[in-house]
């Protein structure tokens, strides 16, 4: 591949491409960057792979669990999920309409299914942090132990 072609492919003047880069029709082949055998082994079929790629946060959690990891999500990703949970479980997306038991149910689901922290739960559910710490005291204790 000529220097100009490398610059076009990378859209950069820095053309430090690996020697093992495979090209197909002037495009880098994904196998040059991704261990596709590992990716294929994570899914039972191409259909399942496509399903999980198109799915949202729930898929990320499931894939992370399959890999033995605990995913951590920012509030921006958990908020739509929280609103979806509220609509599906209680038919509303307004926190003010929930009873204490319903808030506890949503908090538990976010905590155990999506690894939300106590501070995230307090922000997302608009509940005071001490109330969330009372619901999940072990998480509260571990946070306090990390303080200097």
Protein backbone atom coordinates (compact mmCIF):
# COMPACT_ATOMS: atom_id res chain seq x y z
CA UNK A 1 0.00 0.00 0.00
CA UNK A 2 1.34 3.42 -0.91
CA UNK A 3 1.88 6.18 1.65
CA UNK A 4 -1.02 8.18 0.20
CA UNK A 5 -3.35 5.17 0.52
CA UNK A 6 -2.28 4.67 4.14
CA UNK A 7 -2.97 8.34 4.87
CA UNK A 8 -6.40 8.03 3.26
CA UNK A 9 -7.28 4.93 5.26
CA UNK A 10 -6.17 6.42 8.58
CA UNK A 11 -7.22 10.00 7.77
CA UNK A 12 -3.92 11.05 9.29
CA UNK A 13 -0.41 12.00 8.25
CA UNK A 14 0.91 9.65 10.93
CA UNK A 15 0.88 6.39 8.98
CA UNK A 16 2.23 4.01 11.58
CA UNK A 17 0.20 0.99 10.53
CA UNK A 18 1.07 -2.52 11.68
CA UNK A 19 2.74 -4.76 9.15
CA UNK A 20 0.10 -7.41 9.82
CA UNK A 21 -2.73 -5.15 8.65
CA UNK A 22 -4.96 -7.05 6.25
CA UNK A 23 -6.68 -5.02 3.56
CA UNK A 24 -9.77 -5.90 1.51
CA UNK A 25 -10.81 -3.49 -1.24
CA UNK A 26 -8.64 -0.73 0.23
CA UNK A 27 -10.30 -1.10 3.66
CA UNK A 28 -8.69 -2.56 6.78
CA UNK A 29 -10.08 -5.98 7.65
CA UNK A 30 -11.63 -6.11 11.18
CA UNK A 31 -9.64 -9.26 11.98
CA UNK A 32 -6.56 -7.03 12.07
CA UNK A 33 -7.93 -5.31 15.18
CA UNK A 34 -10.41 -7.70 16.81
CA UNK A 35 -9.91 -11.23 18.03
CA UNK A 36 -12.98 -12.46 16.19
CA UNK A 37 -12.56 -16.05 17.45
CA UNK A 38 -12.97 -14.79 21.03
CA UNK A 39 -16.00 -12.73 20.03
CA UNK A 40 -17.57 -15.69 18.21
CA UNK A 41 -17.04 -17.91 21.25
CA UNK A 42 -19.06 -15.50 23.41
CA UNK A 43 -22.21 -15.99 21.34
CA UNK A 44 -24.08 -19.08 20.26
CA UNK A 45 -24.95 -17.74 16.81
CA UNK A 46 -24.61 -14.73 14.55
CA UNK A 47 -28.25 -13.97 15.29
CA UNK A 48 -27.56 -13.76 19.02
CA UNK A 49 -24.56 -11.50 18.36
CA UNK A 50 -26.69 -9.14 16.27
CA UNK A 51 -29.36 -9.12 18.97
CA UNK A 52 -26.89 -8.11 21.67
CA UNK A 53 -25.19 -5.48 19.52
CA UNK A 54 -28.55 -3.84 18.82
CA UNK A 55 -29.67 -4.07 22.44
CA UNK A 56 -28.81 -1.39 24.99
CA UNK A 57 -27.50 -1.32 28.57
CA UNK A 58 -29.10 -4.64 29.51
CA UNK A 59 -26.96 -6.36 26.87
CA UNK A 60 -23.81 -4.72 28.18
CA UNK A 61 -24.59 -6.05 31.64
CA UNK A 62 -25.24 -9.55 30.38
CA UNK A 63 -22.05 -9.67 28.30
CA UNK A 64 -20.01 -8.30 31.23
CA UNK A 65 -21.45 -10.96 33.53
CA UNK A 66 -20.58 -13.67 31.01
CA UNK A 67 -17.01 -12.37 31.12
CA UNK A 68 -17.04 -12.36 34.93
CA UNK A 69 -16.98 -8.56 35.23
CA UNK A 70 -19.14 -6.10 37.14
CA UNK A 71 -20.11 -3.28 34.81
CA UNK A 72 -20.32 0.29 36.09
CA UNK A 73 -22.55 2.76 34.29
CA UNK A 74 -22.73 6.54 34.51
CA UNK A 75 -25.95 8.25 35.54
CA UNK A 76 -26.66 9.19 31.91
CA UNK A 77 -27.01 5.50 31.02
CA UNK A 78 -28.85 4.46 34.18
CA UNK A 79 -31.47 7.23 34.07
CA UNK A 80 -33.27 6.00 30.92
CA UNK A 81 -33.12 2.48 32.29
CA UNK A 82 -34.59 3.65 35.60
CA UNK A 83 -37.44 5.45 33.83
CA UNK A 84 -38.09 2.34 31.75
CA UNK A 85 -38.26 0.22 34.91
CA UNK A 86 -40.72 2.67 36.45
CA UNK A 87 -42.98 2.61 33.39
CA UNK A 88 -42.93 -1.17 33.06
CA UNK A 89 -43.39 -2.01 36.73
CA UNK A 90 -45.63 0.81 37.94
CA UNK A 91 -47.05 2.49 34.84
CA UNK A 92 -45.49 5.87 35.62
CA UNK A 93 -42.21 7.65 35.13
CA UNK A 94 -42.75 10.09 38.01
CA UNK A 95 -40.83 9.40 41.19
CA UNK A 96 -43.31 11.38 43.29
CA UNK A 97 -46.09 8.89 42.53
CA UNK A 98 -44.16 5.92 43.94
CA UNK A 99 -44.66 4.51 47.39
CA UNK A 100 -41.67 3.78 49.61
CA UNK A 101 -41.96 0.06 48.84
CA UNK A 102 -41.97 0.76 45.08
CA UNK A 103 -38.88 2.96 45.39
CA UNK A 104 -37.17 0.20 47.34
CA UNK A 105 -38.08 -2.29 44.62
CA UNK A 106 -36.62 -0.09 41.87
CA UNK A 107 -33.53 0.66 43.99
CA UNK A 108 -32.94 -3.05 44.57
CA UNK A 109 -33.24 -3.83 40.88
CA UNK A 110 -30.82 -1.06 39.91
CA UNK A 111 -28.43 -2.07 42.68
CA UNK A 112 -28.29 -5.80 42.07
CA UNK A 113 -28.91 -6.00 38.31
CA UNK A 114 -26.94 -2.95 37.18
CA UNK A 115 -24.43 -2.38 40.03
CA UNK A 116 -25.65 1.14 40.78
CA UNK A 117 -23.87 2.75 43.71
CA UNK A 118 -25.71 4.16 46.69
CA UNK A 119 -24.92 7.70 45.55
CA UNK A 120 -26.30 6.94 42.08
CA UNK A 121 -29.47 5.50 43.60
CA UNK A 122 -29.93 8.60 45.71
CA UNK A 123 -29.54 10.85 42.66
CA UNK A 124 -31.67 8.75 40.30
CA UNK A 125 -34.54 8.07 42.69
CA UNK A 126 -34.35 11.46 44.40
CA UNK A 127 -34.02 9.86 47.81
CA UNK A 128 -31.73 11.20 50.54
CA UNK A 129 -28.39 9.36 50.68
CA UNK A 130 -28.85 8.29 54.34
CA UNK A 131 -32.10 6.57 53.35
CA UNK A 132 -30.33 4.67 50.56
CA UNK A 133 -27.48 3.81 52.93
CA UNK A 134 -30.08 2.38 55.31
CA UNK A 135 -31.44 0.19 52.48
CA UNK A 136 -27.98 -1.05 51.47
CA UNK A 137 -25.77 -0.78 54.56
CA UNK A 138 -22.94 -2.99 53.28
CA UNK A 139 -22.32 -0.64 50.34
CA UNK A 140 -22.41 2.28 52.72
CA UNK A 141 -19.83 0.67 55.00
CA UNK A 142 -17.44 -0.10 52.16
CA UNK A 143 -17.68 3.51 50.94
CA UNK A 144 -16.91 4.83 54.43
CA UNK A 145 -13.90 2.52 54.79
CA UNK A 146 -12.37 3.93 51.59
CA UNK A 147 -12.26 7.45 53.06
CA UNK A 148 -8.86 8.52 54.43
